[in-house]
Each structure stands twice: as structure tokens, then as C-alpha cells.
Amino acid sequence: NLWVNLSAIKRLVEADALKMEIIPNPKEVDGVKVLQLETAAGAAIKFFDRAIGANVPRSRFLPVKATSDLLLVQSDLYTLTDEGYVIRNPARSNPSNPSIELGPEFKKVANFLGRFKSIPSIIDLDSLKVTGDVWFGSGVTLKGKVTIAAKSGVKLEIPDGAVIAN
């Protein structure tokens, strides 16, 4: 998260002093090679007088940069308190998050959401790897080390209430 004083940004913009570097980021979108031009907002800290940074431990925030992160946050691994805080489910004995690898079919959020009738229970999951055309029913539970691979050209539906362990 970046917290800034808007008046300070206005001063820098008006003085043409906010000289951000352009970062070229080659990507492929729907099979088309594109060049995304980005700036690193955090790098702007060097333009502000008396700027400070705070190092927040990973346990204090839940970044969602990919659908695998979204699966973690939406699962029973975390719970929402009455005060609106997202906290780790105390029922999970393993202190680390499960490793989750989802195939390209899950990359876009809409595709990800469409493949789950409900987000599986992963409270006892160590790792998950999903490849191919896989669809999850409701009330699915994943435990231990789980690999689910659909054969090429075959739709694999995990039935409602299934428990998949190791």
C-alpha cells in the first residue's frame, strides 16, 4: 500500500519534478505478444522529502496477485472477524500457506470463478497442482498433497462433496 499526501503530489506534478522511469514488460495476451509499459509507484518515494517506509510482515497482509492467491483468501484458510479483519483460521495447524499452482485455464478471474461451484476447503492442504480443464463441485475438501490433471481435451468435474487427499 502507498499512502501519500495529495498536496505533495500536486506540488511535484506542477514543478514537473515527478520523473518516473518507464518499465517495459513484454507479455502475451490471448496469444498476442504485447509490450506493457509500467511505472513502479513505490519508486516515487525518492521524489518526496521526509518520506518513510514501513516494513510490514507478510502475516499482516494478504496480497492477491494471481488466482492462486485468490483461492487462498477466499478459502476457509482465512476468516473474517466481526470487526472486518481477515485472520488466519486457528484450525490450521501448519503455520505456512499451502503451495498452489493453477493451470492457464484458471489465470483469468472470470474463468477461475466459473470453475468453482464453491471454493474448496483447504484447511488441511499442503500443496495443490491443477492442470487442464478441471471444474470443482460444491463442498469439495482438499487435504495433504493434491495433484489434479485433466487429460487433454477432456473435461474433469470434481463432484460435489468430494474429499481428495494426497
Protein backbone atom coordinates (compact mmCIF):
# COMPACT_ATOMS: atom_id res chain seq x y z
CA ASN A 1 0.00 0.00 0.00
CA LEU A 2 1.12 3.51 -0.69
CA TRP A 3 -0.07 6.37 1.49
CA VAL A 4 0.70 9.80 0.12
CA ASN A 5 -0.21 13.39 0.73
CA LEU A 6 -2.08 14.57 -2.37
CA SER A 7 -0.81 18.14 -1.87
CA ALA A 8 2.76 16.82 -2.10
CA ILE A 9 1.95 15.02 -5.35
CA LYS A 10 0.35 18.19 -6.73
CA ARG A 11 3.48 20.18 -5.90
CA LEU A 12 5.71 17.66 -7.66
CA VAL A 13 3.49 17.46 -10.74
CA GLU A 14 3.22 21.25 -11.03
CA ALA A 15 7.02 21.53 -10.74
CA ASP A 16 7.41 18.72 -13.34
CA ALA A 17 9.61 17.00 -10.75
CA LEU A 18 7.98 13.56 -10.72
CA LYS A 19 10.27 11.85 -13.25
CA MET A 20 9.20 8.21 -13.22
CA GLU A 21 11.06 5.58 -15.23
CA ILE A 22 9.11 3.59 -17.79
CA ILE A 23 9.49 -0.17 -17.37
CA PRO A 24 8.83 -2.25 -20.50
CA ASN A 25 7.08 -5.52 -19.62
CA PRO A 26 6.68 -7.94 -22.56
CA LYS A 27 3.61 -10.17 -22.18
CA GLU A 28 1.33 -12.41 -24.16
CA VAL A 29 -2.41 -11.68 -24.01
CA ASP A 30 -4.77 -14.13 -25.69
CA GLY A 31 -1.92 -15.39 -27.87
CA VAL A 32 -0.83 -11.89 -28.96
CA LYS A 33 2.56 -10.56 -27.92
CA VAL A 34 2.24 -7.09 -26.38
CA LEU A 35 4.53 -4.64 -24.64
CA GLN A 36 3.04 -3.25 -21.44
CA LEU A 37 4.61 -0.01 -20.25
CA GLU A 38 4.63 0.39 -16.47
CA THR A 39 5.97 2.59 -13.73
CA ALA A 40 6.84 1.40 -10.25
CA ALA A 41 4.76 3.60 -7.98
CA GLY A 42 6.88 2.69 -4.96
CA ALA A 43 9.95 4.08 -6.71
CA ALA A 44 8.40 7.56 -6.47
CA ILE A 45 9.42 7.66 -2.80
CA LYS A 46 12.75 9.19 -3.85
CA PHE A 47 10.97 12.36 -5.01
CA PHE A 48 9.39 13.14 -1.64
CA ASP A 49 11.16 14.93 1.21
CA ARG A 50 10.92 13.18 4.58
CA ALA A 51 9.38 10.05 3.06
CA ILE A 52 9.36 6.94 5.22
CA GLY A 53 8.81 3.29 4.57
CA ALA A 54 7.29 0.71 6.87
CA ASN A 55 8.21 -2.93 6.58
CA VAL A 56 5.01 -4.90 7.19
CA PRO A 57 5.42 -8.64 7.72
CA ARG A 58 3.65 -10.98 5.29
CA SER A 59 1.47 -12.19 8.17
CA ARG A 60 -0.18 -8.73 8.30
CA PHE A 61 -1.46 -8.53 4.73
CA LEU A 62 -2.72 -10.87 2.04
CA PRO A 63 -1.62 -9.71 -1.40
CA VAL A 64 -3.66 -11.12 -4.29
CA LYS A 65 -1.56 -11.04 -7.44
CA ALA A 66 -2.78 -14.24 -9.07
CA THR A 67 -5.80 -16.51 -8.90
CA SER A 68 -3.82 -18.92 -6.73
CA ASP A 69 -3.65 -16.12 -4.13
CA LEU A 70 -7.38 -15.50 -4.61
CA LEU A 71 -8.08 -19.16 -3.86
CA LEU A 72 -6.21 -18.85 -0.55
CA VAL A 73 -8.04 -15.69 0.51
CA GLN A 74 -11.48 -16.98 -0.46
CA SER A 75 -10.96 -20.36 1.23
CA ASP A 76 -11.54 -21.48 4.79
CA LEU A 77 -7.84 -20.88 5.45
CA TYR A 78 -8.82 -17.35 6.42
CA THR A 79 -11.83 -15.99 8.23
CA LEU A 80 -13.37 -12.56 8.62
CA THR A 81 -13.81 -11.22 12.15
CA ASP A 82 -16.83 -9.18 13.25
CA GLU A 83 -14.53 -6.12 13.17
CA GLY A 84 -13.74 -6.70 9.48
CA TYR A 85 -10.25 -8.17 9.89
CA VAL A 86 -9.14 -11.13 7.78
CA ILE A 87 -7.30 -13.56 10.08
CA ARG A 88 -5.76 -17.00 9.74
CA ASN A 89 -8.14 -19.79 10.66
CA PRO A 90 -6.88 -21.13 14.03
CA ALA A 91 -7.96 -24.64 12.96
CA ARG A 92 -4.96 -24.79 10.58
CA SER A 93 -2.04 -26.43 12.36
CA ASN A 94 0.57 -25.81 9.64
CA PRO A 95 1.94 -22.25 10.03
CA SER A 96 2.66 -21.82 6.30
CA ASN A 97 0.20 -21.43 3.47
CA PRO A 98 -0.28 -24.31 1.07
CA SER A 99 1.56 -24.09 -2.24
CA ILE A 100 -0.99 -23.63 -5.03
CA GLU A 101 -0.30 -23.97 -8.76
CA LEU A 102 -3.22 -23.47 -11.12
CA GLY A 103 -3.04 -24.08 -14.86
CA PRO A 104 -3.67 -21.41 -17.51
CA GLU A 105 -7.39 -22.29 -17.55
CA PHE A 106 -7.60 -20.57 -14.13
CA LYS A 107 -5.50 -17.48 -14.96
CA LYS A 108 -8.31 -15.00 -15.66
CA VAL A 109 -10.52 -14.21 -12.67
CA ALA A 110 -13.76 -14.87 -14.58
CA ASN A 111 -12.51 -18.31 -15.69
CA PHE A 112 -11.25 -19.04 -12.17
CA LEU A 113 -14.58 -18.15 -10.55
CA GLY A 114 -16.56 -20.09 -13.13
CA ARG A 115 -14.66 -23.30 -12.41
CA PHE A 116 -15.75 -23.44 -8.75
CA LYS A 117 -19.33 -24.01 -7.56
CA SER A 118 -17.81 -23.13 -4.20
CA ILE A 119 -14.22 -22.67 -3.06
CA PRO A 120 -12.86 -25.96 -1.67
CA SER A 121 -11.92 -26.44 1.96
CA ILE A 122 -8.12 -26.30 2.13
CA ILE A 123 -7.56 -26.09 5.88
CA ASP A 124 -5.52 -29.33 5.76
CA LEU A 125 -3.92 -28.81 2.33
CA ASP A 126 -0.12 -28.80 1.91
CA SER A 127 0.06 -28.33 -1.86
CA LEU A 128 -2.23 -28.25 -4.87
CA LYS A 129 -1.43 -28.50 -8.57
CA VAL A 130 -4.27 -28.33 -11.09
CA THR A 131 -3.78 -28.70 -14.84
CA GLY A 132 -6.24 -29.00 -17.68
CA ASP A 133 -9.99 -28.50 -17.96
CA VAL A 134 -10.90 -29.06 -14.29
CA TRP A 135 -14.19 -27.97 -12.65
CA PHE A 136 -14.93 -28.14 -8.92
CA GLY A 137 -18.30 -29.01 -7.41
CA SER A 138 -19.53 -27.54 -4.15
CA GLY A 139 -18.32 -28.70 -0.75
CA VAL A 140 -15.05 -30.18 -2.06
CA THR A 141 -12.28 -30.80 0.51
CA LEU A 142 -8.58 -30.96 -0.41
CA LYS A 143 -6.06 -32.44 2.04
CA GLY A 144 -2.33 -33.10 2.00
CA LYS A 145 -0.52 -33.01 -1.34
CA VAL A 146 -3.05 -32.95 -4.18
CA THR A 147 -2.45 -33.06 -7.94
CA ILE A 148 -5.42 -32.93 -10.29
CA ALA A 149 -4.73 -33.28 -14.01
CA ALA A 150 -7.35 -33.49 -16.74
CA LYS A 151 -6.29 -35.27 -19.89
CA SER A 152 -6.01 -33.07 -22.95
CA GLY A 153 -9.43 -32.42 -24.46
CA VAL A 154 -11.27 -33.99 -21.51
CA LYS A 155 -13.39 -32.04 -19.02
CA LEU A 156 -12.79 -33.29 -15.48
CA GLU A 157 -15.54 -32.49 -12.97
CA ILE A 158 -14.82 -32.93 -9.28
CA PRO A 159 -18.19 -33.99 -7.80
CA ASP A 160 -19.98 -32.12 -5.02
CA GLY A 161 -18.75 -33.16 -1.56
CA ALA A 162 -15.63 -34.94 -2.84
CA VAL A 163 -12.68 -35.34 -0.47
CA ILE A 164 -9.34 -35.58 -2.24
CA ALA A 165 -6.34 -36.42 -0.07
CA ASN A 166 -2.75 -37.00 -1.13
